[in-house]
Amino acid sequence: MIKKEKYSAAILVIGDEILSGRTQDTNSNYIAKELEMMGITTSEIRVIPDKKNIIINSVNELRNKNNYLFTTGGIGPTHDDITADSVAEAFGVDLEVNSEAYDILKKYYKSIGSEFNEVRQRMARIPKGATLIENPISAAPGFKINNVFVFAGIPKIMKSMLDNSLGFLNKGNLIHTITVKVDAVEGDIAPVLKSLNDENENIKIGSYPFFNSEKDFGVNVVIKSLDKEFLTLTEEKFKIYLSKNSFNYN
């Protein structure tokens, strides 16, 4: 498997129900965490409606800007499940009944005693040239075409599809991360964070304030680097600064 320093990915969450707030998106969070453990950085997460032109434009933009694109949602049996149609159009290929997907679905519905009707047969429509991604839960497969991975929106099914896609992904160098919890307000430590971040281009520092109560508040400072040595050195410098300026941390 090819390995280079950095790989990037985008996540495209498709569904009117996400935008309306009726359904909460947990898929993008899960995908991003799994990718980070493989050395793949998520560059963007985008939520869009079930509208063909928007899906097509987003797929083409994001797949060209990143090594990988993952989509979730819109591959079910109903009329508003148009992701497969849109992805096929984005790649300029036909959407056809995939014989392997058809057989998988036919066998599944027979095994549970349900009719494999015309509506359910829609889920066997796959862009020409795509590779199926197994769905061990409800049979209807996802698919991969070029660098685009198309998953179901149901979290449990999406996770199984992602697991079955990992073998297609190249691993980048792992990003090392440490978190320092500081008892301070963000403005008090902002100057030193900027100084440390600007000091070394191999380091990335983020600060995330939290407020749980009047006695439990502060900032979680997250330091990341591909180089563990740089990470350790920056952590030491930051903690020395905190100690000298009487900030509590852990």
Foldseek 3Di string as FASTA:
>chain_A
DDEAAEFEEEEEEEAPCCVVVVDPAPQVVVVQVVQLQLRYHYPYYYYDYLDLVVLLVVVLVRVVVGQAYEYEALLALDPSSCNQVSVLVSVVFDFAQAPVLQVQLCVQCVVVVHDCDPSVSSLSTHTPPWAWQAQPPNSSTWTDDNRYTYFYHPNVRRVSSVVSCVVVDHGYQRKDKDKKWWPDACVVCVVVQVVLCVVDVQKDKDWDWDDPDPVDTTIIIMIIGSDVVSRVVSVVVSVVVCVVVVIDMD
